[in-house]
Amino acid sequence: MLGDSGENVRDDGVYVVSVYLVEDRLRGQKRTRWRCDGFYKGHRASTVTRSTFSLRDAALACAEALWADYVAGLHRAPDTAPKTVGELIDRFVAQTTAKKGRLLSEKTGRAK
């Protein structure tokens, strides 16, 4: 599980998931947001998954979902693309997160 202090990172040498604090401005006022990133080392530009949340717990949930999908083998680095249409469909049906790491809605789950 991702920890409570500083930048929260899960890294197995192949895939990295991190949650960290960012500050930006909206209509001249400073605001604090939480960002969740997931990417494959060596393929960062083409595999980055990034979402921004107002609540830390939501960002941590996103990170845990990305990591769980990675561990389950539901997404892979670009060089290990599915070899058959059936494999692609199986991966899609099994995934629990969308491109930006947000959990799929119940409606999307039912439609799959």
PDB file of N, CA and C in Angstrom:
ATOM      1  N   MET A   1       0.845  -1.190   0.000  1.00  0.00           N
ATOM      2  CA  MET A   1       0.000   0.000   0.000  1.00  0.00           C
ATOM      3  C   MET A   1       0.880   1.239   0.000  1.00  0.00           C
ATOM      4  N   LEU A   2       0.444   2.284  -0.655  1.00  0.00           N
ATOM      5  CA  LEU A   2       1.187   3.535  -0.685  1.00  0.00           C
ATOM      6  C   LEU A   2       1.143   4.190   0.686  1.00  0.00           C
ATOM      7  N   GLY A   3       2.243   4.782   1.090  1.00  0.00           N
ATOM      8  CA  GLY A   3       2.356   5.355   2.426  1.00  0.00           C
ATOM      9  C   GLY A   3       1.746   6.729   2.568  1.00  0.00           C
ATOM     10  N   ASP A   4       1.949   7.333   3.745  1.00  0.00           N
ATOM     11  CA  ASP A   4       1.333   8.616   4.064  1.00  0.00           C
ATOM     12  C   ASP A   4       2.274   9.811   3.956  1.00  0.00           C
ATOM     13  N   SER A   5       3.550   9.599   3.773  1.00  0.00           N
ATOM     14  CA  SER A   5       4.464  10.732   3.842  1.00  0.00           C
ATOM     15  C   SER A   5       5.066  11.067   2.483  1.00  0.00           C
ATOM     16  N   GLY A   6       5.247  12.367   2.252  1.00  0.00           N
ATOM     17  CA  GLY A   6       5.929  12.845   1.057  1.00  0.00           C
ATOM     18  C   GLY A   6       5.344  12.289  -0.224  1.00  0.00           C
ATOM     19  N   GLU A   7       6.230  11.980  -1.166  1.00  0.00           N
ATOM     20  CA  GLU A   7       5.801  11.395  -2.433  1.00  0.00           C
ATOM     21  C   GLU A   7       5.606   9.899  -2.227  1.00  0.00           C
ATOM     22  N   ASN A   8       4.483   9.396  -2.612  1.00  0.00           N
ATOM     23  CA  ASN A   8       4.141   7.984  -2.459  1.00  0.00           C
ATOM     24  C   ASN A   8       4.449   7.277  -3.769  1.00  0.00           C
ATOM     25  N   VAL A   9       5.280   6.235  -3.705  1.00  0.00           N
ATOM     26  CA  VAL A   9       5.740   5.590  -4.929  1.00  0.00           C
ATOM     27  C   VAL A   9       5.672   4.068  -4.792  1.00  0.00           C
ATOM     28  N   ARG A  10       5.248   3.428  -5.860  1.00  0.00           N
ATOM     29  CA  ARG A  10       5.395   1.980  -6.019  1.00  0.00           C
ATOM     30  C   ARG A  10       6.220   1.798  -7.272  1.00  0.00           C
ATOM     31  N   ASP A  11       7.280   1.011  -7.176  1.00  0.00           N
ATOM     32  CA  ASP A  11       8.218   0.863  -8.278  1.00  0.00           C
ATOM     33  C   ASP A  11       8.835  -0.525  -8.196  1.00  0.00           C
ATOM     34  N   ASP A  12       8.636  -1.336  -9.234  1.00  0.00           N
ATOM     35  CA  ASP A  12       9.250  -2.652  -9.251  1.00  0.00           C
ATOM     36  C   ASP A  12      10.382  -2.744 -10.266  1.00  0.00           C
ATOM     37  N   GLY A  13      10.862  -1.595 -10.732  1.00  0.00           N
ATOM     38  CA  GLY A  13      11.920  -1.562 -11.723  1.00  0.00           C
ATOM     39  C   GLY A  13      11.414  -1.555 -13.150  1.00  0.00           C
ATOM     40  N   VAL A  14      10.137  -1.865 -13.342  1.00  0.00           N
ATOM     41  CA  VAL A  14       9.523  -1.864 -14.674  1.00  0.00           C
ATOM     42  C   VAL A  14       8.423  -0.818 -14.742  1.00  0.00           C
ATOM     43  N   TYR A  15       7.525  -0.832 -13.758  1.00  0.00           N
ATOM     44  CA  TYR A  15       6.378   0.077 -13.733  1.00  0.00           C
ATOM     45  C   TYR A  15       6.438   0.926 -12.466  1.00  0.00           C
ATOM     46  N   VAL A  16       6.080   2.197 -12.600  1.00  0.00           N
ATOM     47  CA  VAL A  16       6.124   3.136 -11.482  1.00  0.00           C
ATOM     48  C   VAL A  16       4.759   3.793 -11.331  1.00  0.00           C
ATOM     49  N   VAL A  17       4.260   3.833 -10.102  1.00  0.00           N
ATOM     50  CA  VAL A  17       3.035   4.559  -9.778  1.00  0.00           C
ATOM     51  C   VAL A  17       3.384   5.511  -8.643  1.00  0.00           C
ATOM     52  N   SER A  18       3.027   6.787  -8.786  1.00  0.00           N
ATOM     53  CA  SER A  18       3.326   7.756  -7.732  1.00  0.00           C
ATOM     54  C   SER A  18       2.144   8.683  -7.503  1.00  0.00           C
ATOM     55  N   VAL A  19       2.058   9.167  -6.265  1.00  0.00           N
ATOM     56  CA  VAL A  19       1.053  10.149  -5.866  1.00  0.00           C
ATOM     57  C   VAL A  19       1.810  11.284  -5.204  1.00  0.00           C
ATOM     58  N   TYR A  20       1.551  12.501  -5.655  1.00  0.00           N
ATOM     59  CA  TYR A  20       2.276  13.641  -5.103  1.00  0.00           C
ATOM     60  C   TYR A  20       1.409  14.893  -5.161  1.00  0.00           C
ATOM     61  N   LEU A  21       1.813  15.874  -4.383  1.00  0.00           N
ATOM     62  CA  LEU A  21       1.095  17.132  -4.238  1.00  0.00           C
ATOM     63  C   LEU A  21       1.556  18.130  -5.294  1.00  0.00           C
ATOM     64  N   VAL A  22       0.610  18.825  -5.928  1.00  0.00           N
ATOM     65  CA  VAL A  22       0.938  19.890  -6.869  1.00  0.00           C
ATOM     66  C   VAL A  22       0.139  21.128  -6.490  1.00  0.00           C
ATOM     67  N   GLU A  23       0.691  22.275  -6.800  1.00  0.00           N
ATOM     68  CA  GLU A  23      -0.017  23.530  -6.560  1.00  0.00           C
ATOM     69  C   GLU A  23      -0.141  24.264  -7.878  1.00  0.00           C
ATOM     70  N   ASP A  24      -1.291  24.863  -8.112  1.00  0.00           N
ATOM     71  CA  ASP A  24      -1.495  25.671  -9.308  1.00  0.00           C
ATOM     72  C   ASP A  24      -2.409  26.837  -8.958  1.00  0.00           C
ATOM     73  N   ARG A  25      -2.740  27.611  -9.958  1.00  0.00           N
ATOM     74  CA  ARG A  25      -3.595  28.776  -9.723  1.00  0.00           C
ATOM     75  C   ARG A  25      -4.842  28.663 -10.575  1.00  0.00           C
ATOM     76  N   LEU A  26      -5.969  29.008  -9.965  1.00  0.00           N
ATOM     77  CA  LEU A  26      -7.247  29.045 -10.671  1.00  0.00           C
ATOM     78  C   LEU A  26      -7.876  30.386 -10.347  1.00  0.00           C
ATOM     79  N   ARG A  27      -8.072  31.203 -11.383  1.00  0.00           N
ATOM     80  CA  ARG A  27      -8.627  32.550 -11.210  1.00  0.00           C
ATOM     81  C   ARG A  27      -7.846  33.351 -10.167  1.00  0.00           C
ATOM     82  N   GLY A  28      -6.537  33.235 -10.232  1.00  0.00           N
ATOM     83  CA  GLY A  28      -5.676  34.020  -9.356  1.00  0.00           C
ATOM     84  C   GLY A  28      -5.495  33.483  -7.952  1.00  0.00           C
ATOM     85  N   GLN A  29      -6.162  32.391  -7.609  1.00  0.00           N
ATOM     86  CA  GLN A  29      -6.025  31.832  -6.261  1.00  0.00           C
ATOM     87  C   GLN A  29      -5.245  30.529  -6.321  1.00  0.00           C
ATOM     88  N   LYS A  30      -4.327  30.381  -5.365  1.00  0.00           N
ATOM     89  CA  LYS A  30      -3.531  29.159  -5.286  1.00  0.00           C
ATOM     90  C   LYS A  30      -4.396  28.016  -4.759  1.00  0.00           C
ATOM     91  N   ARG A  31      -4.266  26.848  -5.385  1.00  0.00           N
ATOM     92  CA  ARG A  31      -4.995  25.678  -4.907  1.00  0.00           C
ATOM     93  C   ARG A  31      -4.055  24.473  -4.882  1.00  0.00           C
ATOM     94  N   THR A  32      -4.367  23.557  -4.015  1.00  0.00           N
ATOM     95  CA  THR A  32      -3.570  22.350  -3.853  1.00  0.00           C
ATOM     96  C   THR A  32      -4.338  21.173  -4.424  1.00  0.00           C
ATOM     97  N   ARG A  33      -3.651  20.372  -5.211  1.00  0.00           N
ATOM     98  CA  ARG A  33      -4.263  19.210  -5.843  1.00  0.00           C
ATOM     99  C   ARG A  33      -3.334  18.005  -5.649  1.00  0.00           C
ATOM    100  N   TRP A  34      -3.880  16.818  -5.825  1.00  0.00           N
ATOM    101  CA  TRP A  34      -3.104  15.582  -5.757  1.00  0.00           C
ATOM    102  C   TRP A  34      -3.051  14.972  -7.147  1.00  0.00           C
ATOM    103  N   ARG A  35      -1.874  14.536  -7.550  1.00  0.00           N
ATOM    104  CA  ARG A  35      -1.696  13.949  -8.871  1.00  0.00           C
ATOM    105  C   ARG A  35      -1.269  12.489  -8.728  1.00  0.00           C
ATOM    106  N   CYS A  36      -1.809  11.651  -9.594  1.00  0.00           N
ATOM    107  CA  CYS A  36      -1.461  10.235  -9.664  1.00  0.00           C
ATOM    108  C   CYS A  36      -0.865   9.978 -11.050  1.00  0.00           C
ATOM    109  N   ASP A  37       0.359   9.464 -11.086  1.00  0.00           N
ATOM    110  CA  ASP A  37       1.038   9.117 -12.332  1.00  0.00           C
ATOM    111  C   ASP A  37       1.362   7.633 -12.340  1.00  0.00           C
ATOM    112  N   GLY A  38       1.258   7.019 -13.482  1.00  0.00           N
ATOM    113  CA  GLY A  38       1.715   5.657 -13.689  1.00  0.00           C
ATOM    114  C   GLY A  38       2.415   5.592 -15.033  1.00  0.00           C
ATOM    115  N   PHE A  39       3.579   4.916 -15.101  1.00  0.00           N
ATOM    116  CA  PHE A  39       4.296   4.811 -16.365  1.00  0.00           C
ATOM    117  C   PHE A  39       5.304   3.678 -16.322  1.00  0.00           C
ATOM    118  N   TYR A  40       5.687   3.208 -17.496  1.00  0.00           N
ATOM    119  CA  TYR A  40       6.732   2.202 -17.640  1.00  0.00           C
ATOM    120  C   TYR A  40       8.069   2.907 -17.785  1.00  0.00           C
ATOM    121  N   LYS A  41       9.069   2.455 -17.044  1.00  0.00           N
ATOM    122  CA  LYS A  41      10.412   3.021 -17.160  1.00  0.00           C
ATOM    123  C   LYS A  41      10.938   2.756 -18.562  1.00  0.00           C
ATOM    124  N   GLY A  42      11.564   3.746 -19.154  1.00  0.00           N
ATOM    125  CA  GLY A  42      12.088   3.606 -20.498  1.00  0.00           C
ATOM    126  C   GLY A  42      11.061   3.880 -21.583  1.00  0.00           C
ATOM    127  N   HIS A  43       9.789   3.967 -21.210  1.00  0.00           N
ATOM    128  CA  HIS A  43       8.723   4.240 -22.184  1.00  0.00           C
ATOM    129  C   HIS A  43       7.837   5.369 -21.682  1.00  0.00           C
ATOM    130  N   ARG A  44       8.340   6.196 -20.782  1.00  0.00           N
ATOM    131  CA  ARG A  44       7.510   7.159 -20.069  1.00  0.00           C
ATOM    132  C   ARG A  44       6.626   7.997 -20.991  1.00  0.00           C
ATOM    133  N   ALA A  45       7.187   8.554 -22.048  1.00  0.00           N
ATOM    134  CA  ALA A  45       6.414   9.466 -22.897  1.00  0.00           C
ATOM    135  C   ALA A  45       5.199   8.796 -23.526  1.00  0.00           C
ATOM    136  N   SER A  46       5.327   7.537 -23.892  1.00  0.00           N
ATOM    137  CA  SER A  46       4.211   6.884 -24.586  1.00  0.00           C
ATOM    138  C   SER A  46       3.285   6.108 -23.655  1.00  0.00           C
ATOM    139  N   THR A  47       3.637   5.983 -22.365  1.00  0.00           N
ATOM    140  CA  THR A  47       2.803   5.169 -21.483  1.00  0.00           C
ATOM    141  C   THR A  47       2.292   5.918 -20.264  1.00  0.00           C
ATOM    142  N   VAL A  48       2.562   7.212 -20.154  1.00  0.00           N
ATOM    143  CA  VAL A  48       2.171   7.930 -18.943  1.00  0.00           C
ATOM    144  C   VAL A  48       0.649   7.965 -18.784  1.00  0.00           C
ATOM    145  N   THR A  49       0.211   7.681 -17.572  1.00  0.00           N
ATOM    146  CA  THR A  49      -1.185   7.791 -17.179  1.00  0.00           C
ATOM    147  C   THR A  49      -1.210   8.812 -16.061  1.00  0.00           C
ATOM    148  N   ARG A  50      -1.948   9.905 -16.211  1.00  0.00           N
ATOM    149  CA  ARG A  50      -1.936  10.961 -15.208  1.00  0.00           C
ATOM    150  C   ARG A  50      -3.342  11.460 -14.946  1.00  0.00           C
ATOM    151  N   SER A  51      -3.681  11.553 -13.672  1.00  0.00           N
ATOM    152  CA  SER A  51      -4.957  12.119 -13.250  1.00  0.00           C
ATOM    153  C   SER A  51      -4.708  13.042 -12.074  1.00  0.00           C
ATOM    154  N   THR A  52      -5.541  14.070 -11.955  1.00  0.00           N
ATOM    155  CA  THR A  52      -5.430  15.029 -10.860  1.00  0.00           C
ATOM    156  C   THR A  52      -6.720  14.999 -10.053  1.00  0.00           C
ATOM    157  N   PHE A  53      -6.564  15.031  -8.730  1.00  0.00           N
ATOM    158  CA  PHE A  53      -7.695  14.925  -7.815  1.00  0.00           C
ATOM    159  C   PHE A  53      -7.627  16.023  -6.767  1.00  0.00           C
ATOM    160  N   SER A  54      -8.767  16.419  -6.256  1.00  0.00           N
ATOM    161  CA  SER A  54      -8.788  17.395  -5.172  1.00  0.00           C
ATOM    162  C   SER A  54      -8.571  16.713  -3.822  1.00  0.00           C
ATOM    163  N   LEU A  55      -8.879  15.423  -3.726  1.00  0.00           N
ATOM    164  CA  LEU A  55      -8.715  14.693  -2.473  1.00  0.00           C
ATOM    165  C   LEU A  55      -7.579  13.679  -2.573  1.00  0.00           C
ATOM    166  N   ARG A  56      -6.758  13.630  -1.541  1.00  0.00           N
ATOM    167  CA  ARG A  56      -5.631  12.709  -1.489  1.00  0.00           C
ATOM    168  C   ARG A  56      -6.109  11.262  -1.556  1.00  0.00           C
ATOM    169  N   ASP A  57      -7.181  10.943  -0.849  1.00  0.00           N
ATOM    170  CA  ASP A  57      -7.693   9.572  -0.836  1.00  0.00           C
ATOM    171  C   ASP A  57      -8.091   9.103  -2.234  1.00  0.00           C
ATOM    172  N   ALA A  58      -8.644  10.006  -3.025  1.00  0.00           N
ATOM    173  CA  ALA A  58      -9.030   9.654  -4.397  1.00  0.00           C
ATOM    174  C   ALA A  58      -7.786   9.359  -5.244  1.00  0.00           C
ATOM    175  N   ALA A  59      -6.732  10.144  -5.059  1.00  0.00           N
ATOM    176  CA  ALA A  59      -5.484   9.910  -5.790  1.00  0.00           C
ATOM    177  C   ALA A  59      -4.855   8.584  -5.377  1.00  0.00           C
ATOM    178  N   LEU A  60      -4.888   8.275  -4.077  1.00  0.00           N
ATOM    179  CA  LEU A  60      -4.350   7.000  -3.603  1.00  0.00           C
ATOM    180  C   LEU A  60      -5.165   5.822  -4.138  1.00  0.00           C
ATOM    181  N   ALA A  61      -6.485   5.966  -4.211  1.00  0.00           N
ATOM    182  CA  ALA A  61      -7.336   4.911  -4.771  1.00  0.00           C
ATOM    183  C   ALA A  61      -7.002   4.682  -6.242  1.00  0.00           C
ATOM    184  N   CYS A  62      -6.762   5.762  -6.969  1.00  0.00           N
ATOM    185  CA  CYS A  62      -6.376   5.670  -8.375  1.00  0.00           C
ATOM    186  C   CYS A  62      -5.058   4.912  -8.505  1.00  0.00           C
ATOM    187  N   ALA A  63      -4.084   5.259  -7.665  1.00  0.00           N
ATOM    188  CA  ALA A  63      -2.777   4.606  -7.707  1.00  0.00           C
ATOM    189  C   ALA A  63      -2.892   3.116  -7.401  1.00  0.00           C
ATOM    190  N   GLU A  64      -3.670   2.783  -6.398  1.00  0.00           N
ATOM    191  CA  GLU A  64      -3.854   1.371  -6.040  1.00  0.00           C
ATOM    192  C   GLU A  64      -4.523   0.607  -7.186  1.00  0.00           C
ATOM    193  N   ALA A  65      -5.493   1.233  -7.860  1.00  0.00           N
ATOM    194  CA  ALA A  65      -6.173   0.580  -8.981  1.00  0.00           C
ATOM    195  C   ALA A  65      -5.212   0.377 -10.156  1.00  0.00           C
ATOM    196  N   LEU A  66      -4.388   1.382 -10.455  1.00  0.00           N
ATOM    197  CA  LEU A  66      -3.400   1.239 -11.524  1.00  0.00           C
ATOM    198  C   LEU A  66      -2.429   0.111 -11.211  1.00  0.00           C
ATOM    199  N   TRP A  67      -1.936   0.082  -9.963  1.00  0.00           N
ATOM    200  CA  TRP A  67      -0.974  -0.947  -9.567  1.00  0.00           C
ATOM    201  C   TRP A  67      -1.620  -2.335  -9.631  1.00  0.00           C
ATOM    202  N   ALA A  68      -2.851  -2.456  -9.163  1.00  0.00           N
ATOM    203  CA  ALA A  68      -3.545  -3.749  -9.195  1.00  0.00           C
ATOM    204  C   ALA A  68      -3.721  -4.240 -10.629  1.00  0.00           C
ATOM    205  N   ASP A  69      -4.079  -3.339 -11.540  1.00  0.00           N
ATOM    206  CA  ASP A  69      -4.219  -3.721 -12.946  1.00  0.00           C
ATOM    207  C   ASP A  69      -2.872  -4.153 -13.528  1.00  0.00           C
ATOM    208  N   TYR A  70      -1.805  -3.447 -13.170  1.00  0.00           N
ATOM    209  CA  TYR A  70      -0.463  -3.804 -13.649  1.00  0.00           C
ATOM    210  C   TYR A  70      -0.073  -5.197 -13.139  1.00  0.00           C
ATOM    211  N   VAL A  71      -0.252  -5.436 -11.839  1.00  0.00           N
ATOM    212  CA  VAL A  71       0.100  -6.724 -11.241  1.00  0.00           C
ATOM    213  C   VAL A  71      -0.718  -7.851 -11.860  1.00  0.00           C
ATOM    214  N   ALA A  72      -1.974  -7.579 -12.175  1.00  0.00           N
ATOM    215  CA  ALA A  72      -2.842  -8.585 -12.790  1.00  0.00           C
ATOM    216  C   ALA A  72      -2.518  -8.802 -14.270  1.00  0.00           C
ATOM    217  N   GLY A  73      -1.621  -7.987 -14.833  1.00  0.00           N
ATOM    218  CA  GLY A  73      -1.238  -8.147 -16.227  1.00  0.00           C
ATOM    219  C   GLY A  73      -2.217  -7.561 -17.217  1.00  0.00           C
ATOM    220  N   LEU A  74      -3.038  -6.602 -16.750  1.00  0.00           N
ATOM    221  CA  LEU A  74      -4.069  -6.042 -17.628  1.00  0.00           C
ATOM    222  C   LEU A  74      -3.552  -4.944 -18.542  1.00  0.00           C
ATOM    223  N   HIS A  75      -2.406  -4.409 -18.236  1.00  0.00           N
ATOM    224  CA  HIS A  75      -1.762  -3.491 -19.179  1.00  0.00           C
ATOM    225  C   HIS A  75      -0.275  -3.779 -19.177  1.00  0.00           C
ATOM    226  N   ARG A  76       0.345  -3.565 -20.309  1.00  0.00           N
ATOM    227  CA  ARG A  76       1.739  -3.915 -20.482  1.00  0.00           C
ATOM    228  C   ARG A  76       2.480  -2.774 -21.177  1.00  0.00           C
ATOM    229  N   ALA A  77       3.790  -2.846 -21.131  1.00  0.00           N
ATOM    230  CA  ALA A  77       4.625  -1.868 -21.836  1.00  0.00           C
ATOM    231  C   ALA A  77       4.322  -1.964 -23.337  1.00  0.00           C
ATOM    232  N   PRO A  78       4.578  -0.900 -24.089  1.00  0.00           N
ATOM    233  CA  PRO A  78       4.241  -0.881 -25.513  1.00  0.00           C
ATOM    234  C   PRO A  78       4.823  -2.032 -26.323  1.00  0.00           C
ATOM    235  N   ASP A  79       5.967  -2.584 -25.908  1.00  0.00           N
ATOM    236  CA  ASP A  79       6.575  -3.643 -26.711  1.00  0.00           C
ATOM    237  C   ASP A  79       5.915  -5.004 -26.489  1.00  0.00           C
ATOM    238  N   THR A  80       4.943  -5.090 -25.581  1.00  0.00           N
ATOM    239  CA  THR A  80       4.243  -6.356 -25.371  1.00  0.00           C
ATOM    240  C   THR A  80       2.754  -6.192 -25.692  1.00  0.00           C
ATOM    241  N   ALA A  81       2.472  -5.709 -26.847  1.00  0.00           N
ATOM    242  CA  ALA A  81       1.082  -5.524 -27.272  1.00  0.00           C
ATOM    243  C   ALA A  81       0.400  -6.882 -27.428  1.00  0.00           C
ATOM    244  N   PRO A  82      -0.930  -6.917 -27.303  1.00  0.00           N
ATOM    245  CA  PRO A  82      -1.637  -8.187 -27.491  1.00  0.00           C
ATOM    246  C   PRO A  82      -1.381  -8.749 -28.892  1.00  0.00           C
ATOM    247  N   LYS A  83      -1.256 -10.053 -28.975  1.00  0.00           N
ATOM    248  CA  LYS A  83      -0.943 -10.689 -30.260  1.00  0.00           C
ATOM    249  C   LYS A  83      -2.199 -11.061 -31.049  1.00  0.00           C
ATOM    250  N   THR A  84      -3.317 -11.215 -30.365  1.00  0.00           N
ATOM    251  CA  THR A  84      -4.558 -11.580 -31.051  1.00  0.00           C
ATOM    252  C   THR A  84      -5.677 -10.637 -30.615  1.00  0.00           C
ATOM    253  N   VAL A  85      -6.715 -10.585 -31.402  1.00  0.00           N
ATOM    254  CA  VAL A  85      -7.877  -9.773 -31.054  1.00  0.00           C
ATOM    255  C   VAL A  85      -8.517 -10.309 -29.773  1.00  0.00           C
ATOM    256  N   GLY A  86      -8.533 -11.620 -29.617  1.00  0.00           N
ATOM    257  CA  GLY A  86      -9.094 -12.226 -28.413  1.00  0.00           C
ATOM    258  C   GLY A  86      -8.359 -11.787 -27.156  1.00  0.00           C
ATOM    259  N   GLU A  87      -7.026 -11.725 -27.223  1.00  0.00           N
ATOM    260  CA  GLU A  87      -6.228 -11.265 -26.078  1.00  0.00           C
ATOM    261  C   GLU A  87      -6.531  -9.800 -25.770  1.00  0.00           C
ATOM    262  N   LEU A  88      -6.670  -8.976 -26.793  1.00  0.00           N
ATOM    263  CA  LEU A  88      -7.008  -7.567 -26.611  1.00  0.00           C
ATOM    264  C   LEU A  88      -8.375  -7.427 -25.933  1.00  0.00           C
ATOM    265  N   ILE A  89      -9.351  -8.189 -26.397  1.00  0.00           N
ATOM    266  CA  ILE A  89     -10.698  -8.143 -25.809  1.00  0.00           C
ATOM    267  C   ILE A  89     -10.656  -8.608 -24.354  1.00  0.00           C
ATOM    268  N   ASP A  90      -9.926  -9.693 -24.080  1.00  0.00           N
ATOM    269  CA  ASP A  90      -9.817 -10.190 -22.704  1.00  0.00           C
ATOM    270  C   ASP A  90      -9.222  -9.138 -21.782  1.00  0.00           C
ATOM    271  N   ARG A  91      -8.178  -8.451 -22.233  1.00  0.00           N
ATOM    272  CA  ARG A  91      -7.571  -7.391 -21.417  1.00  0.00           C
ATOM    273  C   ARG A  91      -8.554  -6.257 -21.164  1.00  0.00           C
ATOM    274  N   PHE A  92      -9.283  -5.865 -22.217  1.00  0.00           N
ATOM    275  CA  PHE A  92     -10.236  -4.767 -22.060  1.00  0.00           C
ATOM    276  C   PHE A  92     -11.337  -5.118 -21.067  1.00  0.00           C
ATOM    277  N   VAL A  93     -11.897  -6.297 -21.209  1.00  0.00           N
ATOM    278  CA  VAL A  93     -12.995  -6.716 -20.342  1.00  0.00           C
ATOM    279  C   VAL A  93     -12.539  -6.831 -18.887  1.00  0.00           C
ATOM    280  N   ALA A  94     -11.295  -7.235 -18.663  1.00  0.00           N
ATOM    281  CA  ALA A  94     -10.802  -7.438 -17.301  1.00  0.00           C
ATOM    282  C   ALA A  94     -10.355  -6.148 -16.610  1.00  0.00           C
ATOM    283  N   GLN A  95     -10.090  -5.087 -17.356  1.00  0.00           N
ATOM    284  CA  GLN A  95      -9.544  -3.882 -16.722  1.00  0.00           C
ATOM    285  C   GLN A  95     -10.581  -3.171 -15.856  1.00  0.00           C
ATOM    286  N   THR A  96     -10.065  -2.497 -14.811  1.00  0.00           N
ATOM    287  CA  THR A  96     -10.939  -1.782 -13.877  1.00  0.00           C
ATOM    288  C   THR A  96     -10.737  -0.279 -13.937  1.00  0.00           C
ATOM    289  N   THR A  97      -9.732   0.173 -14.689  1.00  0.00           N
ATOM    290  CA  THR A  97      -9.463   1.608 -14.777  1.00  0.00           C
ATOM    291  C   THR A  97      -9.453   2.048 -16.237  1.00  0.00           C
ATOM    292  N   ALA A  98      -9.764   3.309 -16.436  1.00  0.00           N
ATOM    293  CA  ALA A  98      -9.736   3.901 -17.765  1.00  0.00           C
ATOM    294  C   ALA A  98      -8.328   4.409 -18.069  1.00  0.00           C
ATOM    295  N   LYS A  99      -8.142   5.033 -19.219  1.00  0.00           N
ATOM    296  CA  LYS A  99      -6.826   5.509 -19.669  1.00  0.00           C
ATOM    297  C   LYS A  99      -6.138   6.382 -18.636  1.00  0.00           C
ATOM    298  N   LYS A 100      -6.859   7.283 -18.006  1.00  0.00           N
ATOM    299  CA  LYS A 100      -6.242   8.200 -17.050  1.00  0.00           C
ATOM    300  C   LYS A 100      -6.214   7.656 -15.636  1.00  0.00           C
ATOM    301  N   GLY A 101      -6.511   6.388 -15.458  1.00  0.00           N
ATOM    302  CA  GLY A 101      -6.398   5.778 -14.152  1.00  0.00           C
ATOM    303  C   GLY A 101      -7.631   5.878 -13.274  1.00  0.00           C
ATOM    304  N   ARG A 102      -8.634   6.547 -13.743  1.00  0.00           N
ATOM    305  CA  ARG A 102      -9.866   6.648 -12.946  1.00  0.00           C
ATOM    306  C   ARG A 102     -10.624   5.327 -13.016  1.00  0.00           C
ATOM    307  N   LEU A 103     -11.277   4.982 -11.924  1.00  0.00           N
ATOM    308  CA  LEU A 103     -12.054   3.752 -11.894  1.00  0.00           C
ATOM    309  C   LEU A 103     -13.190   3.824 -12.912  1.00  0.00           C
ATOM    310  N   LEU A 104     -13.448   2.707 -13.571  1.00  0.00           N
ATOM    311  CA  LEU A 104     -14.545   2.651 -14.513  1.00  0.00           C
ATOM    312  C   LEU A 104     -15.866   2.736 -13.767  1.00  0.00           C
ATOM    313  N   SER A 105     -16.849   3.374 -14.357  1.00  0.00           N
ATOM    314  CA  SER A 105     -18.158   3.490 -13.712  1.00  0.00           C
ATOM    315  C   SER A 105     -18.874   2.146 -13.753  1.00  0.00           C
ATOM    316  N   GLU A 106     -19.872   1.995 -12.900  1.00  0.00           N
ATOM    317  CA  GLU A 106     -20.663   0.767 -12.885  1.00  0.00           C
ATOM    318  C   GLU A 106     -21.350   0.553 -14.237  1.00  0.00           C
ATOM    319  N   LYS A 107     -21.800   1.642 -14.848  1.00  0.00           N
ATOM    320  CA  LYS A 107     -22.483   1.552 -16.141  1.00  0.00           C
ATOM    321  C   LYS A 107     -21.537   0.983 -17.202  1.00  0.00           C
ATOM    322  N   THR A 108     -20.272   1.437 -17.215  1.00  0.00           N
ATOM    323  CA  THR A 108     -19.298   0.922 -18.167  1.00  0.00           C
ATOM    324  C   THR A 108     -19.048  -0.549 -17.899  1.00  0.00           C
ATOM    325  N   GLY A 109     -18.928  -0.908 -16.620  1.00  0.00           N
ATOM    326  CA  GLY A 109     -18.725  -2.307 -16.262  1.00  0.00           C
ATOM    327  C   GLY A 109     -19.844  -3.210 -16.745  1.00  0.00           C
ATOM    328  N   ARG A 110     -21.081  -2.742 -16.615  1.00  0.00           N
ATOM    329  CA  ARG A 110     -22.222  -3.529 -17.071  1.00  0.00           C
ATOM    330  C   ARG A 110     -22.236  -3.641 -18.588  1.00  0.00           C
ATOM    331  N   ALA A 111     -21.793  -2.592 -19.293  1.00  0.00           N
ATOM    332  CA  ALA A 111     -21.805  -2.597 -20.749  1.00  0.00           C
ATOM    333  C   ALA A 111     -20.749  -3.547 -21.323  1.00  0.00           C
ATOM    334  N   LYS A 112     -19.680  -3.772 -20.575  1.00  0.00           N
ATOM    335  CA  LYS A 112     -18.618  -4.656 -21.066  1.00  0.00           C
ATOM    336  C   LYS A 112     -19.144  -6.062 -21.098  1.00  0.00           C
TER     337      LYS A 112
END
